[in-house]
Amino acid sequence: MGRLQSAVRASFEDYLHRMRTEYKEALVSKGRREAFDRLVEAWSSELGAISYAESLSLMDLILLTGEVDNRAYLEALRLKLDNLDSRLNVAEHG
């Protein structure tokens, strides 16, 4: 299992290097380059999950991890918005 994780990590690092040089550098918007860096943080923090999943390609796993990170962020924002909405309703009606 350790060798497999090392192979996945090496593939990930190689893939990441190519994405940084071939894709990130071509992004026009600074905000999108920064968003790419945040995705790299999410991918890197979940490399264990990426290494564990064997039935998907590395790119599929990277995309899935980014989507899961986006979903978690959206859910956190939704909870904050719901909380603010509740507080506003109390202030308006209470």
PDB file of N, CA and C in Angstrom:
ATOM      1  N   MET A   1       0.823  -1.192   0.000  1.00  0.00           N
ATOM      2  CA  MET A   1       0.000   0.000   0.000  1.00  0.00           C
ATOM      3  C   MET A   1       0.869   1.258   0.000  1.00  0.00           C
ATOM      4  N   GLY A   2       1.977   1.259   0.704  1.00  0.00           N
ATOM      5  CA  GLY A   2       2.857   2.413   0.763  1.00  0.00           C
ATOM      6  C   GLY A   2       3.421   2.777  -0.592  1.00  0.00           C
ATOM      7  N   ARG A   3       3.794   1.747  -1.374  1.00  0.00           N
ATOM      8  CA  ARG A   3       4.316   2.008  -2.715  1.00  0.00           C
ATOM      9  C   ARG A   3       3.261   2.622  -3.617  1.00  0.00           C
ATOM     10  N   LEU A   4       2.026   2.149  -3.497  1.00  0.00           N
ATOM     11  CA  LEU A   4       0.940   2.686  -4.296  1.00  0.00           C
ATOM     12  C   LEU A   4       0.710   4.154  -3.956  1.00  0.00           C
ATOM     13  N   GLN A   5       0.723   4.476  -2.670  1.00  0.00           N
ATOM     14  CA  GLN A   5       0.536   5.869  -2.265  1.00  0.00           C
ATOM     15  C   GLN A   5       1.686   6.725  -2.763  1.00  0.00           C
ATOM     16  N   SER A   6       2.910   6.209  -2.731  1.00  0.00           N
ATOM     17  CA  SER A   6       4.056   6.959  -3.246  1.00  0.00           C
ATOM     18  C   SER A   6       3.904   7.192  -4.742  1.00  0.00           C
ATOM     19  N   ALA A   7       3.431   6.179  -5.466  1.00  0.00           N
ATOM     20  CA  ALA A   7       3.230   6.322  -6.903  1.00  0.00           C
ATOM     21  C   ALA A   7       2.154   7.356  -7.197  1.00  0.00           C
ATOM     22  N   VAL A   8       1.071   7.327  -6.445  1.00  0.00           N
ATOM     23  CA  VAL A   8       0.003   8.309  -6.631  1.00  0.00           C
ATOM     24  C   VAL A   8       0.517   9.700  -6.297  1.00  0.00           C
ATOM     25  N   ARG A   9       1.260   9.815  -5.201  1.00  0.00           N
ATOM     26  CA  ARG A   9       1.818  11.122  -4.819  1.00  0.00           C
ATOM     27  C   ARG A   9       2.748  11.646  -5.909  1.00  0.00           C
ATOM     28  N   ALA A  10       3.603  10.793  -6.457  1.00  0.00           N
ATOM     29  CA  ALA A  10       4.513  11.207  -7.526  1.00  0.00           C
ATOM     30  C   ALA A  10       3.731  11.617  -8.767  1.00  0.00           C
ATOM     31  N   SER A  11       2.716  10.837  -9.126  1.00  0.00           N
ATOM     32  CA  SER A  11       1.874  11.191 -10.274  1.00  0.00           C
ATOM     33  C   SER A  11       1.165  12.522 -10.033  1.00  0.00           C
ATOM     34  N   PHE A  12       0.660  12.698  -8.815  1.00  0.00           N
ATOM     35  CA  PHE A  12      -0.021  13.936  -8.450  1.00  0.00           C
ATOM     36  C   PHE A  12       0.932  15.125  -8.574  1.00  0.00           C
ATOM     37  N   GLU A  13       2.113  14.992  -8.019  1.00  0.00           N
ATOM     38  CA  GLU A  13       3.088  16.093  -8.074  1.00  0.00           C
ATOM     39  C   GLU A  13       3.468  16.425  -9.512  1.00  0.00           C
ATOM     40  N   ASP A  14       3.644  15.397 -10.350  1.00  0.00           N
ATOM     41  CA  ASP A  14       3.964  15.616 -11.759  1.00  0.00           C
ATOM     42  C   ASP A  14       2.795  16.308 -12.462  1.00  0.00           C
ATOM     43  N   TYR A  15       1.602  15.825 -12.217  1.00  0.00           N
ATOM     44  CA  TYR A  15       0.400  16.396 -12.823  1.00  0.00           C
ATOM     45  C   TYR A  15       0.227  17.844 -12.383  1.00  0.00           C
ATOM     46  N   LEU A  16       0.445  18.092 -11.097  1.00  0.00           N
ATOM     47  CA  LEU A  16       0.314  19.433 -10.548  1.00  0.00           C
ATOM     48  C   LEU A  16       1.335  20.381 -11.179  1.00  0.00           C
ATOM     49  N   HIS A  17       2.553  19.923 -11.354  1.00  0.00           N
ATOM     50  CA  HIS A  17       3.587  20.742 -11.984  1.00  0.00           C
ATOM     51  C   HIS A  17       3.161  21.125 -13.406  1.00  0.00           C
ATOM     52  N   ARG A  18       2.647  20.145 -14.145  1.00  0.00           N
ATOM     53  CA  ARG A  18       2.201  20.426 -15.518  1.00  0.00           C
ATOM     54  C   ARG A  18       1.011  21.381 -15.531  1.00  0.00           C
ATOM     55  N   MET A  19       0.076  21.210 -14.591  1.00  0.00           N
ATOM     56  CA  MET A  19      -1.074  22.121 -14.538  1.00  0.00           C
ATOM     57  C   MET A  19      -0.632  23.538 -14.202  1.00  0.00           C
ATOM     58  N   ARG A  20       0.343  23.661 -13.301  1.00  0.00           N
ATOM     59  CA  ARG A  20       0.825  25.008 -12.946  1.00  0.00           C
ATOM     60  C   ARG A  20       1.489  25.688 -14.139  1.00  0.00           C
ATOM     61  N   THR A  21       2.317  24.952 -14.869  1.00  0.00           N
ATOM     62  CA  THR A  21       3.056  25.575 -15.966  1.00  0.00           C
ATOM     63  C   THR A  21       2.234  25.705 -17.243  1.00  0.00           C
ATOM     64  N   GLU A  22       1.361  24.752 -17.516  1.00  0.00           N
ATOM     65  CA  GLU A  22       0.612  24.769 -18.769  1.00  0.00           C
ATOM     66  C   GLU A  22      -0.759  25.417 -18.641  1.00  0.00           C
ATOM     67  N   TYR A  23      -1.306  25.488 -17.449  1.00  0.00           N
ATOM     68  CA  TYR A  23      -2.664  25.990 -17.286  1.00  0.00           C
ATOM     69  C   TYR A  23      -2.710  27.262 -16.437  1.00  0.00           C
ATOM     70  N   LYS A  24      -2.208  27.176 -15.215  1.00  0.00           N
ATOM     71  CA  LYS A  24      -2.319  28.315 -14.306  1.00  0.00           C
ATOM     72  C   LYS A  24      -1.669  29.549 -14.888  1.00  0.00           C
ATOM     73  N   GLU A  25      -0.488  29.395 -15.453  1.00  0.00           N
ATOM     74  CA  GLU A  25       0.232  30.546 -15.991  1.00  0.00           C
ATOM     75  C   GLU A  25      -0.509  31.179 -17.172  1.00  0.00           C
ATOM     76  N   ALA A  26      -1.375  30.417 -17.823  1.00  0.00           N
ATOM     77  CA  ALA A  26      -2.139  30.931 -18.965  1.00  0.00           C
ATOM     78  C   ALA A  26      -3.424  31.632 -18.539  1.00  0.00           C
ATOM     79  N   LEU A  27      -3.825  31.473 -17.284  1.00  0.00           N
ATOM     80  CA  LEU A  27      -5.039  32.145 -16.815  1.00  0.00           C
ATOM     81  C   LEU A  27      -4.819  33.657 -16.819  1.00  0.00           C
ATOM     82  N   VAL A  28      -5.747  34.382 -17.384  1.00  0.00           N
ATOM     83  CA  VAL A  28      -5.612  35.829 -17.514  1.00  0.00           C
ATOM     84  C   VAL A  28      -5.886  36.529 -16.184  1.00  0.00           C
ATOM     85  N   SER A  29      -6.908  36.080 -15.491  1.00  0.00           N
ATOM     86  CA  SER A  29      -7.355  36.734 -14.273  1.00  0.00           C
ATOM     87  C   SER A  29      -6.511  36.328 -13.061  1.00  0.00           C
ATOM     88  N   LYS A  30      -6.057  37.331 -12.330  1.00  0.00           N
ATOM     89  CA  LYS A  30      -5.324  37.065 -11.090  1.00  0.00           C
ATOM     90  C   LYS A  30      -6.210  36.315 -10.101  1.00  0.00           C
ATOM     91  N   GLY A  31      -7.490  36.667 -10.055  1.00  0.00           N
ATOM     92  CA  GLY A  31      -8.427  35.992  -9.156  1.00  0.00           C
ATOM     93  C   GLY A  31      -8.555  34.512  -9.471  1.00  0.00           C
ATOM     94  N   ARG A  32      -8.538  34.174 -10.743  1.00  0.00           N
ATOM     95  CA  ARG A  32      -8.619  32.762 -11.120  1.00  0.00           C
ATOM     96  C   ARG A  32      -7.320  32.031 -10.803  1.00  0.00           C
ATOM     97  N   ARG A  33      -6.185  32.700 -10.953  1.00  0.00           N
ATOM     98  CA  ARG A  33      -4.911  32.071 -10.554  1.00  0.00           C
ATOM     99  C   ARG A  33      -4.899  31.815  -9.049  1.00  0.00           C
ATOM    100  N   GLU A  34      -5.446  32.754  -8.283  1.00  0.00           N
ATOM    101  CA  GLU A  34      -5.541  32.566  -6.834  1.00  0.00           C
ATOM    102  C   GLU A  34      -6.528  31.447  -6.495  1.00  0.00           C
ATOM    103  N   ALA A  35      -7.618  31.367  -7.239  1.00  0.00           N
ATOM    104  CA  ALA A  35      -8.594  30.285  -7.028  1.00  0.00           C
ATOM    105  C   ALA A  35      -7.946  28.933  -7.338  1.00  0.00           C
ATOM    106  N   PHE A  36      -7.122  28.891  -8.372  1.00  0.00           N
ATOM    107  CA  PHE A  36      -6.390  27.667  -8.693  1.00  0.00           C
ATOM    108  C   PHE A  36      -5.513  27.259  -7.510  1.00  0.00           C
ATOM    109  N   ASP A  37      -4.826  28.225  -6.911  1.00  0.00           N
ATOM    110  CA  ASP A  37      -3.978  27.927  -5.746  1.00  0.00           C
ATOM    111  C   ASP A  37      -4.801  27.372  -4.589  1.00  0.00           C
ATOM    112  N   ARG A  38      -6.005  27.891  -4.394  1.00  0.00           N
ATOM    113  CA  ARG A  38      -6.869  27.369  -3.327  1.00  0.00           C
ATOM    114  C   ARG A  38      -7.316  25.948  -3.633  1.00  0.00           C
ATOM    115  N   LEU A  39      -7.551  25.654  -4.913  1.00  0.00           N
ATOM    116  CA  LEU A  39      -7.883  24.274  -5.291  1.00  0.00           C
ATOM    117  C   LEU A  39      -6.707  23.346  -5.027  1.00  0.00           C
ATOM    118  N   VAL A  40      -5.504  23.803  -5.314  1.00  0.00           N
ATOM    119  CA  VAL A  40      -4.310  22.993  -5.044  1.00  0.00           C
ATOM    120  C   VAL A  40      -4.231  22.681  -3.552  1.00  0.00           C
ATOM    121  N   GLU A  41      -4.561  23.651  -2.708  1.00  0.00           N
ATOM    122  CA  GLU A  41      -4.574  23.415  -1.263  1.00  0.00           C
ATOM    123  C   GLU A  41      -5.583  22.322  -0.913  1.00  0.00           C
ATOM    124  N   ALA A  42      -6.773  22.393  -1.494  1.00  0.00           N
ATOM    125  CA  ALA A  42      -7.807  21.374  -1.224  1.00  0.00           C
ATOM    126  C   ALA A  42      -7.345  20.012  -1.720  1.00  0.00           C
ATOM    127  N   TRP A  43      -6.800  19.955  -2.937  1.00  0.00           N
ATOM    128  CA  TRP A  43      -6.322  18.688  -3.491  1.00  0.00           C
ATOM    129  C   TRP A  43      -5.233  18.099  -2.609  1.00  0.00           C
ATOM    130  N   SER A  44      -4.292  18.938  -2.205  1.00  0.00           N
ATOM    131  CA  SER A  44      -3.158  18.463  -1.409  1.00  0.00           C
ATOM    132  C   SER A  44      -3.607  17.958  -0.048  1.00  0.00           C
ATOM    133  N   SER A  45      -4.580  18.650   0.553  1.00  0.00           N
ATOM    134  CA  SER A  45      -5.034  18.228   1.884  1.00  0.00           C
ATOM    135  C   SER A  45      -5.816  16.918   1.827  1.00  0.00           C
ATOM    136  N   GLU A  46      -6.344  16.573   0.671  1.00  0.00           N
ATOM    137  CA  GLU A  46      -7.116  15.338   0.518  1.00  0.00           C
ATOM    138  C   GLU A  46      -6.377  14.298  -0.321  1.00  0.00           C
ATOM    139  N   LEU A  47      -5.062  14.397  -0.366  1.00  0.00           N
ATOM    140  CA  LEU A  47      -4.277  13.455  -1.165  1.00  0.00           C
ATOM    141  C   LEU A  47      -4.449  12.020  -0.683  1.00  0.00           C
ATOM    142  N   GLY A  48      -4.712  11.840   0.599  1.00  0.00           N
ATOM    143  CA  GLY A  48      -4.984  10.501   1.123  1.00  0.00           C
ATOM    144  C   GLY A  48      -6.216   9.885   0.480  1.00  0.00           C
ATOM    145  N   ALA A  49      -7.280  10.674   0.349  1.00  0.00           N
ATOM    146  CA  ALA A  49      -8.502  10.175  -0.301  1.00  0.00           C
ATOM    147  C   ALA A  49      -8.242   9.908  -1.777  1.00  0.00           C
ATOM    148  N   ILE A  50      -7.480  10.791  -2.409  1.00  0.00           N
ATOM    149  CA  ILE A  50      -7.138  10.602  -3.817  1.00  0.00           C
ATOM    150  C   ILE A  50      -6.329   9.323  -3.987  1.00  0.00           C
ATOM    151  N   SER A  51      -5.401   9.074  -3.085  1.00  0.00           N
ATOM    152  CA  SER A  51      -4.569   7.872  -3.156  1.00  0.00           C
ATOM    153  C   SER A  51      -5.383   6.605  -2.912  1.00  0.00           C
ATOM    154  N   TYR A  52      -6.398   6.709  -2.079  1.00  0.00           N
ATOM    155  CA  TYR A  52      -7.187   5.550  -1.688  1.00  0.00           C
ATOM    156  C   TYR A  52      -8.125   5.080  -2.800  1.00  0.00           C
ATOM    157  N   ALA A  53      -8.663   6.040  -3.560  1.00  0.00           N
ATOM    158  CA  ALA A  53      -9.626   5.705  -4.620  1.00  0.00           C
ATOM    159  C   ALA A  53      -8.869   5.154  -5.823  1.00  0.00           C
ATOM    160  N   GLU A  54      -9.203   3.939  -6.219  1.00  0.00           N
ATOM    161  CA  GLU A  54      -8.476   3.285  -7.303  1.00  0.00           C
ATOM    162  C   GLU A  54      -9.262   3.217  -8.606  1.00  0.00           C
ATOM    163  N   SER A  55     -10.573   3.410  -8.566  1.00  0.00           N
ATOM    164  CA  SER A  55     -11.381   3.174  -9.751  1.00  0.00           C
ATOM    165  C   SER A  55     -11.522   4.404 -10.654  1.00  0.00           C
ATOM    166  N   LEU A  56     -11.001   5.550 -10.233  1.00  0.00           N
ATOM    167  CA  LEU A  56     -11.106   6.776 -11.024  1.00  0.00           C
ATOM    168  C   LEU A  56      -9.728   7.245 -11.459  1.00  0.00           C
ATOM    169  N   SER A  57      -9.689   7.997 -12.541  1.00  0.00           N
ATOM    170  CA  SER A  57      -8.411   8.554 -12.998  1.00  0.00           C
ATOM    171  C   SER A  57      -7.976   9.684 -12.065  1.00  0.00           C
ATOM    172  N   LEU A  58      -6.714  10.031 -12.122  1.00  0.00           N
ATOM    173  CA  LEU A  58      -6.192  11.099 -11.275  1.00  0.00           C
ATOM    174  C   LEU A  58      -6.936  12.406 -11.541  1.00  0.00           C
ATOM    175  N   MET A  59      -7.181  12.725 -12.803  1.00  0.00           N
ATOM    176  CA  MET A  59      -7.893  13.963 -13.122  1.00  0.00           C
ATOM    177  C   MET A  59      -9.314  13.916 -12.594  1.00  0.00           C
ATOM    178  N   ASP A  60     -10.002  12.776 -12.719  1.00  0.00           N
ATOM    179  CA  ASP A  60     -11.350  12.641 -12.157  1.00  0.00           C
ATOM    180  C   ASP A  60     -11.321  12.893 -10.651  1.00  0.00           C
ATOM    181  N   LEU A  61     -10.338  12.340  -9.975  1.00  0.00           N
ATOM    182  CA  LEU A  61     -10.237  12.501  -8.526  1.00  0.00           C
ATOM    183  C   LEU A  61      -9.924  13.944  -8.141  1.00  0.00           C
ATOM    184  N   ILE A  62      -9.073  14.589  -8.911  1.00  0.00           N
ATOM    185  CA  ILE A  62      -8.751  15.996  -8.645  1.00  0.00           C
ATOM    186  C   ILE A  62     -10.000  16.851  -8.827  1.00  0.00           C
ATOM    187  N   LEU A  63     -10.731  16.621  -9.908  1.00  0.00           N
ATOM    188  CA  LEU A  63     -11.962  17.376 -10.142  1.00  0.00           C
ATOM    189  C   LEU A  63     -13.000  17.098  -9.061  1.00  0.00           C
ATOM    190  N   LEU A  64     -13.156  15.842  -8.685  1.00  0.00           N
ATOM    191  CA  LEU A  64     -14.105  15.480  -7.635  1.00  0.00           C
ATOM    192  C   LEU A  64     -13.725  16.143  -6.311  1.00  0.00           C
ATOM    193  N   THR A  65     -12.455  16.148  -5.978  1.00  0.00           N
ATOM    194  CA  THR A  65     -12.000  16.772  -4.736  1.00  0.00           C
ATOM    195  C   THR A  65     -12.279  18.270  -4.746  1.00  0.00           C
ATOM    196  N   GLY A  66     -12.064  18.913  -5.879  1.00  0.00           N
ATOM    197  CA  GLY A  66     -12.390  20.334  -5.992  1.00  0.00           C
ATOM    198  C   GLY A  66     -13.872  20.581  -5.813  1.00  0.00           C
ATOM    199  N   GLU A  67     -14.688  19.727  -6.394  1.00  0.00           N
ATOM    200  CA  GLU A  67     -16.136  19.871  -6.266  1.00  0.00           C
ATOM    201  C   GLU A  67     -16.591  19.648  -4.818  1.00  0.00           C
ATOM    202  N   VAL A  68     -16.015  18.668  -4.147  1.00  0.00           N
ATOM    203  CA  VAL A  68     -16.356  18.423  -2.739  1.00  0.00           C
ATOM    204  C   VAL A  68     -15.958  19.629  -1.895  1.00  0.00           C
ATOM    205  N   ASP A  69     -14.785  20.207  -2.156  1.00  0.00           N
ATOM    206  CA  ASP A  69     -14.352  21.391  -1.428  1.00  0.00           C
ATOM    207  C   ASP A  69     -15.311  22.561  -1.685  1.00  0.00           C
ATOM    208  N   ASN A  70     -15.707  22.744  -2.938  1.00  0.00           N
ATOM    209  CA  ASN A  70     -16.668  23.803  -3.262  1.00  0.00           C
ATOM    210  C   ASN A  70     -17.992  23.581  -2.541  1.00  0.00           C
ATOM    211  N   ARG A  71     -18.465  22.334  -2.514  1.00  0.00           N
ATOM    212  CA  ARG A  71     -19.731  22.023  -1.846  1.00  0.00           C
ATOM    213  C   ARG A  71     -19.639  22.333  -0.355  1.00  0.00           C
ATOM    214  N   ALA A  72     -18.534  21.953   0.274  1.00  0.00           N
ATOM    215  CA  ALA A  72     -18.362  22.236   1.705  1.00  0.00           C
ATOM    216  C   ALA A  72     -18.377  23.742   1.958  1.00  0.00           C
ATOM    217  N   TYR A  73     -17.723  24.489   1.090  1.00  0.00           N
ATOM    218  CA  TYR A  73     -17.680  25.951   1.226  1.00  0.00           C
ATOM    219  C   TYR A  73     -19.081  26.545   1.050  1.00  0.00           C
ATOM    220  N   LEU A  74     -19.809  26.074   0.051  1.00  0.00           N
ATOM    221  CA  LEU A  74     -21.173  26.561  -0.172  1.00  0.00           C
ATOM    222  C   LEU A  74     -22.091  26.239   0.999  1.00  0.00           C
ATOM    223  N   GLU A  75     -21.961  25.045   1.554  1.00  0.00           N
ATOM    224  CA  GLU A  75     -22.790  24.672   2.705  1.00  0.00           C
ATOM    225  C   GLU A  75     -22.477  25.554   3.916  1.00  0.00           C
ATOM    226  N   ALA A  76     -21.210  25.861   4.130  1.00  0.00           N
ATOM    227  CA  ALA A  76     -20.836  26.740   5.237  1.00  0.00           C
ATOM    228  C   ALA A  76     -21.419  28.140   5.024  1.00  0.00           C
ATOM    229  N   LEU A  77     -21.366  28.627   3.800  1.00  0.00           N
ATOM    230  CA  LEU A  77     -21.954  29.930   3.496  1.00  0.00           C
ATOM    231  C   LEU A  77     -23.469  29.914   3.671  1.00  0.00           C
ATOM    232  N   ARG A  78     -24.101  28.810   3.252  1.00  0.00           N
ATOM    233  CA  ARG A  78     -25.550  28.691   3.404  1.00  0.00           C
ATOM    234  C   ARG A  78     -25.950  28.741   4.868  1.00  0.00           C
ATOM    235  N   LEU A  79     -25.200  28.045   5.718  1.00  0.00           N
ATOM    236  CA  LEU A  79     -25.491  28.061   7.152  1.00  0.00           C
ATOM    237  C   LEU A  79     -25.330  29.464   7.729  1.00  0.00           C
ATOM    238  N   LYS A  80     -24.287  30.174   7.315  1.00  0.00           N
ATOM    239  CA  LYS A  80     -24.094  31.553   7.784  1.00  0.00           C
ATOM    240  C   LYS A  80     -25.228  32.452   7.311  1.00  0.00           C
ATOM    241  N   LEU A  81     -25.635  32.284   6.069  1.00  0.00           N
ATOM    242  CA  LEU A  81     -26.729  33.092   5.527  1.00  0.00           C
ATOM    243  C   LEU A  81     -28.034  32.796   6.257  1.00  0.00           C
ATOM    244  N   ASP A  82     -28.307  31.527   6.520  1.00  0.00           N
ATOM    245  CA  ASP A  82     -29.505  31.163   7.274  1.00  0.00           C
ATOM    246  C   ASP A  82     -29.488  31.788   8.660  1.00  0.00           C
ATOM    247  N   ASN A  83     -28.322  31.763   9.299  1.00  0.00           N
ATOM    248  CA  ASN A  83     -28.176  32.352  10.628  1.00  0.00           C
ATOM    249  C   ASN A  83     -28.416  33.866  10.577  1.00  0.00           C
ATOM    250  N   LEU A  84     -27.831  34.529   9.599  1.00  0.00           N
ATOM    251  CA  LEU A  84     -28.038  35.972   9.461  1.00  0.00           C
ATOM    252  C   LEU A  84     -29.496  36.297   9.156  1.00  0.00           C
ATOM    253  N   ASP A  85     -30.136  35.487   8.327  1.00  0.00           N
ATOM    254  CA  ASP A  85     -31.542  35.684   7.992  1.00  0.00           C
ATOM    255  C   ASP A  85     -32.409  35.549   9.238  1.00  0.00           C
ATOM    256  N   SER A  86     -32.120  34.545  10.048  1.00  0.00           N
ATOM    257  CA  SER A  86     -32.879  34.358  11.298  1.00  0.00           C
ATOM    258  C   SER A  86     -32.688  35.548  12.229  1.00  0.00           C
ATOM    259  N   ARG A  87     -31.470  36.009  12.354  1.00  0.00           N
ATOM    260  CA  ARG A  87     -31.197  37.156  13.222  1.00  0.00           C
ATOM    261  C   ARG A  87     -31.878  38.418  12.703  1.00  0.00           C
ATOM    262  N   LEU A  88     -31.902  38.580  11.386  1.00  0.00           N
ATOM    263  CA  LEU A  88     -32.571  39.744  10.805  1.00  0.00           C
ATOM    264  C   LEU A  88     -34.072  39.679  11.055  1.00  0.00           C
ATOM    265  N   ASN A  89     -34.657  38.491  10.912  1.00  0.00           N
ATOM    266  CA  ASN A  89     -36.098  38.335  11.178  1.00  0.00           C
ATOM    267  C   ASN A  89     -36.418  38.645  12.619  1.00  0.00           C
ATOM    268  N   VAL A  90     -35.585  38.219  13.549  1.00  0.00           N
ATOM    269  CA  VAL A  90     -35.807  38.525  14.970  1.00  0.00           C
ATOM    270  C   VAL A  90     -35.706  40.023  15.202  1.00  0.00           C
ATOM    271  N   ALA A  91     -34.730  40.670  14.596  1.00  0.00           N
ATOM    272  CA  ALA A  91     -34.542  42.105  14.788  1.00  0.00           C
ATOM    273  C   ALA A  91     -35.705  42.893  14.185  1.00  0.00           C
ATOM    274  N   GLU A  92     -36.215  42.436  13.035  1.00  0.00           N
ATOM    275  CA  GLU A  92     -37.323  43.137  12.396  1.00  0.00           C
ATOM    276  C   GLU A  92     -38.649  42.939  13.108  1.00  0.00           C
ATOM    277  N   HIS A  93     -38.860  41.733  13.667  1.00  0.00           N
ATOM    278  CA  HIS A  93     -40.157  41.401  14.244  1.00  0.00           C
ATOM    279  C   HIS A  93     -40.134  41.302  15.771  1.00  0.00           C
ATOM    280  N   GLY A  94     -38.988  41.410  16.329  1.00  0.00           N
ATOM    281  CA  GLY A  94     -38.897  41.179  17.762  1.00  0.00           C
ATOM    282  C   GLY A  94     -38.594  42.375  18.492  1.00  0.00           C
TER     283      GLY A  94
END
